[in-house]
Amino acid sequence: MLGGVVDRMDVRVAGCIVVGLGVGNTVSLPGLLVGREFSRAQFASVVSLITATNQVAFAFTPALMGILRDATGSYGAALALCLGLDAMAAGVVMMGRGRAAAGEVTSMLQLRPSCECCDRNLDPSSREAFICSFECTFCRDCTERILGGTCPNCRGELVRRPARPVEKQAKFPPSTERVFKPEGCQRVAAAAEHRP
């Protein structure tokens, strides 16, 4: 008899709704929202922030609700506060979705200003800059003459860095942080000298 009840689609749908509004809302929904609204690189830090915020809320919200109930004589103010916070959170999510739908750039290449090997200046519009997948940056001369097209840090391939148009640089400024690590190039050069 129980099997017959469980096999009924409407009962299973109702069960999914109950779980979704309860445990699913607490456990699954935040991760789904974060995965949709944030990049993969941001996922862990955003979920960690949500979890920490939840723990603070779980610890202090019951006391706050009790204080509001004692002060007002009912749970109306407490429920109104919860509804207001939920509405604000939904608004924040929708605002972020609107910016993404409008094509707002949220991440871009750093365009570091110099070669890690020789410290040569590399303009953001330069076609002489080469990068690996971690954006270690080198000039063409060091890439071809010393490194042989391989990053000395991660051993990944070095490819020509896309040039950012000048008219986009004011709104999307390149990095000003210079990274100078000549020891990587020196190590590669020394190994090349000792090769038979």
N, C-alpha and C. Protein backbone atom coordinates (compact mmCIF):
# COMPACT_ATOMS: atom_id res chain seq x y z
N MET A 1 0.83 -1.21 0.00
CA MET A 1 0.00 0.00 0.00
C MET A 1 0.86 1.26 0.00
N LEU A 2 1.92 1.24 0.86
CA LEU A 2 2.81 2.41 0.92
C LEU A 2 3.50 2.63 -0.42
N GLY A 3 3.88 1.50 -1.07
CA GLY A 3 4.52 1.63 -2.38
C GLY A 3 3.60 2.30 -3.38
N GLY A 4 2.31 1.96 -3.32
CA GLY A 4 1.36 2.58 -4.25
C GLY A 4 1.24 4.06 -4.03
N VAL A 5 1.27 4.48 -2.76
CA VAL A 5 1.19 5.91 -2.46
C VAL A 5 2.43 6.64 -2.96
N VAL A 6 3.62 6.02 -2.71
CA VAL A 6 4.87 6.65 -3.11
C VAL A 6 4.97 6.77 -4.61
N ASP A 7 4.42 5.76 -5.32
CA ASP A 7 4.51 5.78 -6.78
C ASP A 7 3.62 6.83 -7.41
N ARG A 8 2.73 7.39 -6.64
CA ARG A 8 1.86 8.44 -7.21
C ARG A 8 2.67 9.71 -7.40
N MET A 9 2.64 10.25 -8.61
CA MET A 9 3.46 11.40 -8.96
C MET A 9 3.16 12.61 -8.09
N ASP A 10 1.91 12.87 -7.78
CA ASP A 10 1.56 14.07 -7.02
C ASP A 10 2.16 14.04 -5.62
N VAL A 11 2.27 12.85 -5.01
CA VAL A 11 2.86 12.73 -3.68
C VAL A 11 4.36 13.02 -3.75
N ARG A 12 5.01 12.49 -4.78
CA ARG A 12 6.45 12.74 -4.91
C ARG A 12 6.75 14.21 -5.18
N VAL A 13 5.92 14.81 -6.00
CA VAL A 13 6.11 16.25 -6.27
C VAL A 13 5.93 17.05 -4.98
N ALA A 14 4.90 16.71 -4.22
CA ALA A 14 4.68 17.41 -2.95
C ALA A 14 5.87 17.22 -2.02
N GLY A 15 6.43 15.99 -1.99
CA GLY A 15 7.60 15.73 -1.15
C GLY A 15 8.79 16.56 -1.58
N CYS A 16 9.00 16.67 -2.90
CA CYS A 16 10.10 17.50 -3.41
C CYS A 16 9.94 18.96 -3.00
N ILE A 17 8.70 19.44 -3.06
CA ILE A 17 8.44 20.83 -2.68
C ILE A 17 8.75 21.06 -1.21
N VAL A 18 8.29 20.11 -0.37
CA VAL A 18 8.53 20.24 1.08
C VAL A 18 10.03 20.24 1.37
N VAL A 19 10.77 19.28 0.76
CA VAL A 19 12.22 19.21 0.99
C VAL A 19 12.91 20.46 0.44
N GLY A 20 12.47 20.89 -0.74
CA GLY A 20 13.09 22.07 -1.35
C GLY A 20 12.93 23.32 -0.51
N LEU A 21 11.75 23.49 0.07
CA LEU A 21 11.51 24.68 0.89
C LEU A 21 12.17 24.56 2.26
N GLY A 22 12.53 23.36 2.65
CA GLY A 22 13.17 23.16 3.96
C GLY A 22 14.66 22.98 3.82
N VAL A 23 15.11 21.72 3.84
CA VAL A 23 16.54 21.41 3.78
C VAL A 23 17.16 21.92 2.48
N GLY A 24 16.47 21.72 1.35
CA GLY A 24 17.02 22.16 0.07
C GLY A 24 17.27 23.65 0.02
N ASN A 25 16.37 24.41 0.62
CA ASN A 25 16.52 25.86 0.64
C ASN A 25 17.75 26.29 1.43
N THR A 26 18.10 25.51 2.45
CA THR A 26 19.25 25.84 3.30
C THR A 26 20.55 25.30 2.73
N VAL A 27 20.50 24.08 2.18
CA VAL A 27 21.73 23.40 1.77
C VAL A 27 22.03 23.58 0.29
N SER A 28 21.06 23.32 -0.57
CA SER A 28 21.32 23.28 -2.01
C SER A 28 21.18 24.63 -2.70
N LEU A 29 20.16 25.39 -2.34
CA LEU A 29 19.86 26.62 -3.06
C LEU A 29 21.01 27.64 -3.04
N PRO A 30 21.67 27.89 -1.90
CA PRO A 30 22.76 28.87 -1.93
C PRO A 30 23.86 28.52 -2.93
N GLY A 31 24.26 27.25 -2.96
CA GLY A 31 25.29 26.84 -3.91
C GLY A 31 24.85 27.00 -5.35
N LEU A 32 23.58 26.69 -5.63
CA LEU A 32 23.07 26.86 -6.99
C LEU A 32 23.06 28.32 -7.41
N LEU A 33 22.64 29.20 -6.50
CA LEU A 33 22.63 30.63 -6.81
C LEU A 33 24.04 31.17 -7.03
N VAL A 34 24.97 30.77 -6.15
CA VAL A 34 26.35 31.24 -6.27
C VAL A 34 26.95 30.76 -7.58
N GLY A 35 26.71 29.48 -7.92
CA GLY A 35 27.24 28.95 -9.17
C GLY A 35 26.73 29.67 -10.39
N ARG A 36 25.51 30.19 -10.30
CA ARG A 36 24.92 30.90 -11.43
C ARG A 36 25.36 32.36 -11.50
N GLU A 37 25.55 32.99 -10.35
CA GLU A 37 25.78 34.43 -10.31
C GLU A 37 27.25 34.83 -10.20
N PHE A 38 28.13 33.89 -9.81
CA PHE A 38 29.54 34.22 -9.61
C PHE A 38 30.41 33.29 -10.45
N SER A 39 31.65 33.71 -10.67
CA SER A 39 32.58 32.90 -11.44
C SER A 39 33.04 31.69 -10.62
N ARG A 40 33.63 30.72 -11.31
CA ARG A 40 34.12 29.52 -10.64
C ARG A 40 35.21 29.88 -9.63
N ALA A 41 36.03 30.88 -9.98
CA ALA A 41 37.12 31.28 -9.08
C ALA A 41 36.59 31.89 -7.78
N GLN A 42 35.40 32.50 -7.83
CA GLN A 42 34.82 33.15 -6.66
C GLN A 42 33.95 32.22 -5.83
N PHE A 43 33.65 31.03 -6.37
CA PHE A 43 32.66 30.16 -5.75
C PHE A 43 32.98 29.83 -4.29
N ALA A 44 34.20 29.36 -4.03
CA ALA A 44 34.54 28.91 -2.67
C ALA A 44 34.45 30.04 -1.66
N SER A 45 34.97 31.22 -2.01
CA SER A 45 34.96 32.33 -1.05
C SER A 45 33.54 32.83 -0.80
N VAL A 46 32.71 32.87 -1.84
CA VAL A 46 31.33 33.35 -1.66
C VAL A 46 30.52 32.37 -0.82
N VAL A 47 30.65 31.06 -1.11
CA VAL A 47 29.92 30.06 -0.32
C VAL A 47 30.39 30.08 1.13
N SER A 48 31.69 30.28 1.34
CA SER A 48 32.21 30.37 2.71
C SER A 48 31.62 31.56 3.45
N LEU A 49 31.52 32.69 2.75
CA LEU A 49 30.92 33.88 3.37
C LEU A 49 29.45 33.64 3.71
N ILE A 50 28.72 32.99 2.81
CA ILE A 50 27.31 32.67 3.08
C ILE A 50 27.19 31.76 4.30
N THR A 51 28.04 30.74 4.35
CA THR A 51 28.00 29.80 5.48
C THR A 51 28.29 30.51 6.80
N ALA A 52 29.31 31.37 6.81
CA ALA A 52 29.65 32.10 8.03
C ALA A 52 28.50 33.02 8.46
N THR A 53 27.89 33.70 7.48
CA THR A 53 26.77 34.58 7.78
C THR A 53 25.59 33.79 8.33
N ASN A 54 25.35 32.61 7.74
CA ASN A 54 24.26 31.76 8.23
C ASN A 54 24.49 31.35 9.68
N GLN A 55 25.72 31.01 10.02
CA GLN A 55 26.01 30.57 11.38
C GLN A 55 25.74 31.69 12.39
N VAL A 56 26.11 32.92 12.02
CA VAL A 56 25.82 34.07 12.89
C VAL A 56 24.31 34.25 13.04
N ALA A 57 23.60 34.11 11.90
CA ALA A 57 22.14 34.26 11.95
C ALA A 57 21.50 33.17 12.81
N PHE A 58 21.98 31.92 12.63
CA PHE A 58 21.41 30.82 13.42
C PHE A 58 21.64 31.03 14.92
N ALA A 59 22.77 31.66 15.27
CA ALA A 59 23.10 31.84 16.68
C ALA A 59 22.29 32.96 17.33
N PHE A 60 22.08 34.07 16.59
CA PHE A 60 21.51 35.25 17.24
C PHE A 60 20.07 35.58 16.83
N THR A 61 19.60 35.03 15.71
CA THR A 61 18.24 35.37 15.27
C THR A 61 17.15 34.96 16.25
N PRO A 62 17.21 33.75 16.83
CA PRO A 62 16.14 33.41 17.79
C PRO A 62 16.02 34.41 18.95
N ALA A 63 17.18 34.85 19.46
CA ALA A 63 17.14 35.83 20.55
C ALA A 63 16.55 37.15 20.07
N LEU A 64 16.95 37.58 18.87
CA LEU A 64 16.41 38.83 18.32
C LEU A 64 14.91 38.74 18.10
N MET A 65 14.45 37.60 17.58
CA MET A 65 13.02 37.41 17.38
C MET A 65 12.26 37.47 18.72
N GLY A 66 12.87 36.87 19.75
CA GLY A 66 12.24 36.90 21.08
C GLY A 66 12.17 38.31 21.63
N ILE A 67 13.24 39.08 21.45
CA ILE A 67 13.26 40.47 21.93
C ILE A 67 12.18 41.29 21.22
N LEU A 68 12.06 41.12 19.88
CA LEU A 68 11.03 41.85 19.14
C LEU A 68 9.63 41.42 19.58
N ARG A 69 9.47 40.14 19.84
CA ARG A 69 8.17 39.64 20.29
C ARG A 69 7.80 40.22 21.65
N ASP A 70 8.79 40.26 22.57
CA ASP A 70 8.52 40.83 23.90
C ASP A 70 8.24 42.32 23.82
N ALA A 71 8.93 43.01 22.91
CA ALA A 71 8.76 44.46 22.81
C ALA A 71 7.44 44.85 22.17
N THR A 72 6.96 44.03 21.22
CA THR A 72 5.75 44.39 20.48
C THR A 72 4.52 43.60 20.90
N GLY A 73 4.71 42.50 21.62
CA GLY A 73 3.58 41.69 22.04
C GLY A 73 3.12 40.66 21.03
N SER A 74 3.79 40.61 19.86
CA SER A 74 3.44 39.59 18.85
C SER A 74 4.67 39.34 17.97
N TYR A 75 4.52 38.33 17.11
CA TYR A 75 5.61 38.01 16.19
C TYR A 75 5.50 38.76 14.86
N GLY A 76 4.55 39.69 14.77
CA GLY A 76 4.35 40.42 13.52
C GLY A 76 5.58 41.19 13.08
N ALA A 77 6.22 41.91 14.01
CA ALA A 77 7.40 42.70 13.65
C ALA A 77 8.56 41.79 13.25
N ALA A 78 8.71 40.67 13.97
CA ALA A 78 9.79 39.74 13.65
C ALA A 78 9.59 39.15 12.26
N LEU A 79 8.37 38.74 11.94
CA LEU A 79 8.10 38.19 10.61
C LEU A 79 8.27 39.24 9.53
N ALA A 80 7.86 40.47 9.82
CA ALA A 80 8.03 41.56 8.84
C ALA A 80 9.50 41.82 8.57
N LEU A 81 10.33 41.77 9.62
CA LEU A 81 11.77 41.95 9.45
C LEU A 81 12.35 40.85 8.57
N CYS A 82 11.96 39.60 8.82
CA CYS A 82 12.45 38.48 8.02
C CYS A 82 12.03 38.62 6.56
N LEU A 83 10.77 38.99 6.34
CA LEU A 83 10.30 39.17 4.97
C LEU A 83 11.04 40.31 4.27
N GLY A 84 11.30 41.39 5.01
CA GLY A 84 12.03 42.51 4.43
C GLY A 84 13.45 42.12 4.04
N LEU A 85 14.14 41.36 4.90
CA LEU A 85 15.49 40.91 4.59
C LEU A 85 15.50 39.98 3.39
N ASP A 86 14.50 39.09 3.30
CA ASP A 86 14.40 38.19 2.15
C ASP A 86 14.19 38.99 0.86
N ALA A 87 13.33 40.00 0.93
CA ALA A 87 13.07 40.83 -0.25
C ALA A 87 14.33 41.59 -0.68
N MET A 88 15.10 42.09 0.30
CA MET A 88 16.35 42.78 -0.02
C MET A 88 17.34 41.82 -0.69
N ALA A 89 17.43 40.61 -0.15
CA ALA A 89 18.35 39.63 -0.74
C ALA A 89 17.96 39.29 -2.17
N ALA A 90 16.66 39.11 -2.40
CA ALA A 90 16.18 38.83 -3.76
C ALA A 90 16.48 39.99 -4.69
N GLY A 91 16.34 41.21 -4.18
CA GLY A 91 16.65 42.38 -4.99
C GLY A 91 18.12 42.45 -5.38
N VAL A 92 19.00 42.10 -4.44
CA VAL A 92 20.44 42.10 -4.73
C VAL A 92 20.76 41.09 -5.81
N VAL A 93 20.17 39.89 -5.72
CA VAL A 93 20.40 38.86 -6.73
C VAL A 93 19.91 39.33 -8.09
N MET A 94 18.72 39.93 -8.14
CA MET A 94 18.17 40.39 -9.42
C MET A 94 18.97 41.53 -10.01
N MET A 95 19.51 42.41 -9.17
CA MET A 95 20.36 43.50 -9.67
C MET A 95 21.61 42.93 -10.32
N GLY A 96 22.22 41.94 -9.67
CA GLY A 96 23.41 41.32 -10.24
C GLY A 96 23.11 40.64 -11.56
N ARG A 97 21.95 39.98 -11.64
CA ARG A 97 21.57 39.31 -12.88
C ARG A 97 21.33 40.34 -13.99
N GLY A 98 20.77 41.49 -13.62
CA GLY A 98 20.53 42.53 -14.62
C GLY A 98 21.83 43.05 -15.20
N ARG A 99 22.86 43.24 -14.34
CA ARG A 99 24.15 43.71 -14.84
C ARG A 99 24.78 42.68 -15.76
N ALA A 100 24.68 41.39 -15.37
CA ALA A 100 25.26 40.34 -16.20
C ALA A 100 24.56 40.27 -17.55
N ALA A 101 23.21 40.43 -17.53
CA ALA A 101 22.45 40.37 -18.77
C ALA A 101 22.79 41.54 -19.67
N ALA A 102 23.14 42.68 -19.07
CA ALA A 102 23.49 43.86 -19.86
C ALA A 102 24.92 43.77 -20.41
N GLY A 103 25.63 42.71 -20.08
CA GLY A 103 26.97 42.53 -20.62
C GLY A 103 28.06 43.25 -19.85
N GLU A 104 27.81 43.58 -18.59
CA GLU A 104 28.83 44.27 -17.81
C GLU A 104 30.01 43.33 -17.56
N VAL A 105 31.21 43.83 -17.80
CA VAL A 105 32.41 43.02 -17.61
C VAL A 105 32.72 42.90 -16.13
N THR A 106 32.83 41.66 -15.64
CA THR A 106 33.13 41.45 -14.23
C THR A 106 34.54 40.91 -14.02
N SER A 107 35.16 40.39 -15.06
CA SER A 107 36.54 39.92 -14.96
C SER A 107 37.23 40.13 -16.29
N MET A 108 38.53 40.32 -16.24
CA MET A 108 39.28 40.58 -17.46
C MET A 108 40.75 40.28 -17.21
N LEU A 109 41.53 40.24 -18.25
CA LEU A 109 42.97 40.04 -18.12
C LEU A 109 43.58 41.21 -17.35
N GLN A 110 44.58 40.90 -16.53
CA GLN A 110 45.22 41.94 -15.74
C GLN A 110 46.02 42.90 -16.61
N LEU A 111 46.65 42.39 -17.65
CA LEU A 111 47.55 43.19 -18.50
C LEU A 111 48.66 43.82 -17.66
N ARG A 112 49.50 42.96 -17.11
CA ARG A 112 50.62 43.44 -16.28
C ARG A 112 51.55 44.31 -17.12
N PRO A 113 52.18 45.30 -16.49
CA PRO A 113 52.88 46.35 -17.25
C PRO A 113 54.32 46.05 -17.65
N SER A 114 54.84 44.85 -17.29
CA SER A 114 56.26 44.62 -17.55
C SER A 114 56.58 43.14 -17.71
N CYS A 115 57.75 42.89 -18.26
CA CYS A 115 58.24 41.52 -18.43
C CYS A 115 58.84 41.03 -17.12
N GLU A 116 58.49 39.83 -16.71
CA GLU A 116 59.02 39.28 -15.46
C GLU A 116 60.52 39.01 -15.54
N CYS A 117 61.02 38.79 -16.74
CA CYS A 117 62.43 38.44 -16.89
C CYS A 117 63.34 39.66 -16.90
N CYS A 118 63.03 40.60 -17.79
CA CYS A 118 63.94 41.74 -18.01
C CYS A 118 63.38 43.07 -17.53
N ASP A 119 62.15 43.08 -17.04
CA ASP A 119 61.48 44.28 -16.53
C ASP A 119 61.19 45.32 -17.62
N ARG A 120 61.20 44.89 -18.85
CA ARG A 120 60.88 45.79 -19.96
C ARG A 120 59.42 46.21 -19.86
N ASN A 121 59.13 47.49 -20.15
CA ASN A 121 57.76 47.99 -20.14
C ASN A 121 56.95 47.35 -21.26
N LEU A 122 55.71 46.95 -20.93
CA LEU A 122 54.82 46.36 -21.91
C LEU A 122 53.48 47.10 -21.85
N ASP A 123 53.24 47.93 -22.83
CA ASP A 123 52.01 48.70 -22.91
C ASP A 123 50.81 47.75 -23.04
N PRO A 124 49.65 48.10 -22.46
CA PRO A 124 48.47 47.23 -22.57
C PRO A 124 48.02 46.98 -24.01
N SER A 125 48.43 47.86 -24.92
CA SER A 125 48.10 47.66 -26.33
C SER A 125 49.23 46.98 -27.09
N SER A 126 50.29 46.63 -26.40
CA SER A 126 51.46 46.05 -27.05
C SER A 126 51.17 44.68 -27.64
N ARG A 127 51.76 44.42 -28.80
CA ARG A 127 51.68 43.10 -29.42
C ARG A 127 52.95 42.31 -29.15
N GLU A 128 53.77 42.80 -28.24
CA GLU A 128 55.02 42.14 -27.89
C GLU A 128 54.94 41.42 -26.54
N ALA A 129 53.76 41.39 -25.94
CA ALA A 129 53.59 40.77 -24.63
C ALA A 129 53.08 39.34 -24.79
N PHE A 130 53.63 38.43 -23.97
CA PHE A 130 53.22 37.03 -23.99
C PHE A 130 52.84 36.61 -22.58
N ILE A 131 51.81 35.77 -22.45
CA ILE A 131 51.33 35.33 -21.14
C ILE A 131 51.08 33.83 -21.14
N CYS A 132 51.08 33.26 -19.92
CA CYS A 132 50.65 31.87 -19.73
C CYS A 132 49.22 31.92 -19.18
N SER A 133 48.66 30.76 -18.85
CA SER A 133 47.28 30.73 -18.36
C SER A 133 47.12 31.39 -17.00
N PHE A 134 48.24 31.60 -16.26
CA PHE A 134 48.19 32.28 -14.96
C PHE A 134 48.56 33.76 -15.10
N GLU A 135 48.73 34.22 -16.33
CA GLU A 135 49.07 35.60 -16.67
C GLU A 135 50.47 36.01 -16.24
N CYS A 136 51.37 35.06 -16.05
CA CYS A 136 52.78 35.44 -15.96
C CYS A 136 53.10 36.11 -17.29
N THR A 137 53.80 37.23 -17.27
CA THR A 137 53.93 38.07 -18.45
C THR A 137 55.39 38.26 -18.85
N PHE A 138 55.66 38.11 -20.15
CA PHE A 138 57.03 38.22 -20.66
C PHE A 138 57.01 38.95 -21.99
N CYS A 139 58.12 39.57 -22.32
CA CYS A 139 58.24 40.22 -23.62
C CYS A 139 58.56 39.18 -24.69
N ARG A 140 58.41 39.57 -25.95
CA ARG A 140 58.65 38.63 -27.04
C ARG A 140 60.09 38.12 -27.05
N ASP A 141 61.02 39.03 -26.78
CA ASP A 141 62.43 38.64 -26.84
C ASP A 141 62.75 37.55 -25.82
N CYS A 142 62.32 37.74 -24.57
CA CYS A 142 62.57 36.74 -23.52
C CYS A 142 61.81 35.45 -23.81
N THR A 143 60.57 35.59 -24.32
CA THR A 143 59.76 34.41 -24.63
C THR A 143 60.42 33.53 -25.67
N GLU A 144 60.92 34.16 -26.73
CA GLU A 144 61.46 33.38 -27.85
C GLU A 144 62.93 33.02 -27.66
N ARG A 145 63.72 33.98 -27.16
CA ARG A 145 65.17 33.77 -27.11
C ARG A 145 65.61 32.96 -25.90
N ILE A 146 64.94 33.17 -24.74
CA ILE A 146 65.37 32.51 -23.50
C ILE A 146 64.45 31.36 -23.11
N LEU A 147 63.13 31.62 -23.15
CA LEU A 147 62.18 30.66 -22.58
C LEU A 147 61.67 29.62 -23.56
N GLY A 148 61.86 29.86 -24.83
CA GLY A 148 61.40 28.89 -25.82
C GLY A 148 59.90 28.68 -25.81
N GLY A 149 59.14 29.72 -25.45
CA GLY A 149 57.68 29.63 -25.48
C GLY A 149 57.05 28.92 -24.30
N THR A 150 57.85 28.67 -23.23
CA THR A 150 57.33 27.97 -22.06
C THR A 150 57.52 28.82 -20.81
N CYS A 151 56.48 28.96 -20.01
CA CYS A 151 56.55 29.75 -18.78
C CYS A 151 57.49 29.08 -17.78
N PRO A 152 58.45 29.80 -17.22
CA PRO A 152 59.36 29.20 -16.26
C PRO A 152 58.72 28.92 -14.90
N ASN A 153 57.54 29.49 -14.66
CA ASN A 153 56.87 29.32 -13.37
C ASN A 153 55.97 28.09 -13.34
N CYS A 154 55.09 27.98 -14.35
CA CYS A 154 54.11 26.88 -14.35
C CYS A 154 54.40 25.84 -15.42
N ARG A 155 55.38 26.11 -16.30
CA ARG A 155 55.74 25.22 -17.40
C ARG A 155 54.65 25.17 -18.47
N GLY A 156 53.72 26.11 -18.42
CA GLY A 156 52.66 26.17 -19.42
C GLY A 156 53.11 26.93 -20.65
N GLU A 157 52.27 26.86 -21.68
CA GLU A 157 52.58 27.52 -22.95
C GLU A 157 52.42 29.03 -22.82
N LEU A 158 53.32 29.76 -23.46
CA LEU A 158 53.22 31.21 -23.54
C LEU A 158 52.64 31.58 -24.90
N VAL A 159 51.59 32.41 -24.87
CA VAL A 159 50.95 32.85 -26.10
C VAL A 159 50.88 34.37 -26.10
N ARG A 160 50.71 34.94 -27.30
CA ARG A 160 50.67 36.40 -27.38
C ARG A 160 49.44 36.93 -26.65
N ARG A 161 49.66 37.95 -25.83
CA ARG A 161 48.57 38.53 -25.05
C ARG A 161 47.69 39.41 -25.93
N PRO A 162 46.37 39.28 -25.81
CA PRO A 162 45.50 40.18 -26.58
C PRO A 162 45.73 41.63 -26.18
N ALA A 163 45.68 42.51 -27.15
CA ALA A 163 45.85 43.94 -26.88
C ALA A 163 44.51 44.54 -26.51
N ARG A 164 44.48 45.34 -25.44
CA ARG A 164 43.25 46.03 -25.06
C ARG A 164 43.19 47.35 -25.80
N PRO A 165 42.11 47.63 -26.53
CA PRO A 165 42.02 48.89 -27.27
C PRO A 165 42.19 50.09 -26.34
N VAL A 166 42.84 51.12 -26.84
CA VAL A 166 43.12 52.31 -26.03
C VAL A 166 41.85 52.92 -25.46
N GLU A 167 40.78 52.94 -26.26
CA GLU A 167 39.53 53.56 -25.81
C GLU A 167 38.85 52.79 -24.69
N LYS A 168 39.26 51.54 -24.45
CA LYS A 168 38.69 50.74 -23.37
C LYS A 168 39.50 50.81 -22.08
N GLN A 169 40.68 51.38 -22.15
CA GLN A 169 41.59 51.32 -21.00
C GLN A 169 41.20 52.24 -19.85
N ALA A 170 40.43 53.29 -20.14
CA ALA A 170 39.99 54.17 -19.05
C ALA A 170 38.94 53.46 -18.19
N LYS A 171 38.00 52.78 -18.85
CA LYS A 171 36.95 52.08 -18.12
C LYS A 171 37.46 50.77 -17.53
N PHE A 172 38.38 50.12 -18.24
CA PHE A 172 38.93 48.84 -17.80
C PHE A 172 40.45 48.96 -17.73
N PRO A 173 40.95 49.61 -16.67
CA PRO A 173 42.38 49.90 -16.59
C PRO A 173 43.23 48.65 -16.42
N PRO A 174 44.41 48.65 -17.03
CA PRO A 174 45.33 47.52 -16.85
C PRO A 174 45.99 47.57 -15.48
N SER A 175 46.59 46.48 -15.10
CA SER A 175 47.30 46.40 -13.82
C SER A 175 48.51 47.33 -13.81
N THR A 176 48.82 47.86 -12.65
CA THR A 176 50.04 48.67 -12.48
C THR A 176 51.09 47.92 -11.65
N GLU A 177 50.77 46.70 -11.26
CA GLU A 177 51.69 45.92 -10.42
C GLU A 177 52.78 45.28 -11.27
N ARG A 178 54.02 45.66 -11.00
CA ARG A 178 55.15 45.08 -11.73
C ARG A 178 55.62 43.82 -11.02
N VAL A 179 55.79 42.76 -11.77
CA VAL A 179 56.32 41.50 -11.24
C VAL A 179 57.66 41.26 -11.89
N PHE A 180 58.71 41.21 -11.08
CA PHE A 180 60.07 41.04 -11.61
C PHE A 180 60.70 39.84 -10.92
N LYS A 181 60.78 38.74 -11.66
CA LYS A 181 61.35 37.50 -11.10
C LYS A 181 62.38 36.94 -12.09
N PRO A 182 63.52 37.60 -12.22
CA PRO A 182 64.49 37.18 -13.23
C PRO A 182 65.10 35.80 -12.97
N GLU A 183 64.99 35.31 -11.73
CA GLU A 183 65.60 34.01 -11.42
C GLU A 183 65.01 32.89 -12.27
N GLY A 184 63.74 33.01 -12.65
CA GLY A 184 63.13 31.97 -13.49
C GLY A 184 63.79 31.90 -14.84
N CYS A 185 64.00 33.06 -15.46
CA CYS A 185 64.66 33.10 -16.76
C CYS A 185 66.13 32.69 -16.65
N GLN A 186 66.76 33.12 -15.57
CA GLN A 186 68.16 32.77 -15.38
C GLN A 186 68.33 31.25 -15.24
N ARG A 187 67.38 30.62 -14.56
CA ARG A 187 67.44 29.16 -14.39
C ARG A 187 67.29 28.46 -15.73
N VAL A 188 66.35 28.95 -16.55
CA VAL A 188 66.13 28.34 -17.86
C VAL A 188 67.37 28.54 -18.74
N ALA A 189 67.92 29.76 -18.70
CA ALA A 189 69.10 30.05 -19.51
C ALA A 189 70.28 29.19 -19.10
N ALA A 190 70.47 29.02 -17.79
CA ALA A 190 71.58 28.20 -17.30
C ALA A 190 71.41 26.75 -17.71
N ALA A 191 70.19 26.24 -17.67
CA ALA A 191 69.95 24.86 -18.07
C ALA A 191 70.22 24.67 -19.55
N ALA A 192 69.87 25.70 -20.34
CA ALA A 192 70.11 25.62 -21.79
C ALA A 192 71.60 25.59 -22.11
N GLU A 193 72.39 26.33 -21.33
CA GLU A 193 73.83 26.37 -21.55
C GLU A 193 74.50 25.02 -21.29
N HIS A 194 73.94 24.27 -20.32
CA HIS A 194 74.54 22.99 -19.94
C HIS A 194 74.00 21.81 -20.75
N ARG A 195 73.07 22.11 -21.67
CA ARG A 195 72.56 21.05 -22.51
C ARG A 195 73.59 20.68 -23.57
N PRO A 196 73.78 19.38 -23.82
CA PRO A 196 74.76 18.98 -24.83
C PRO A 196 74.30 19.36 -26.24
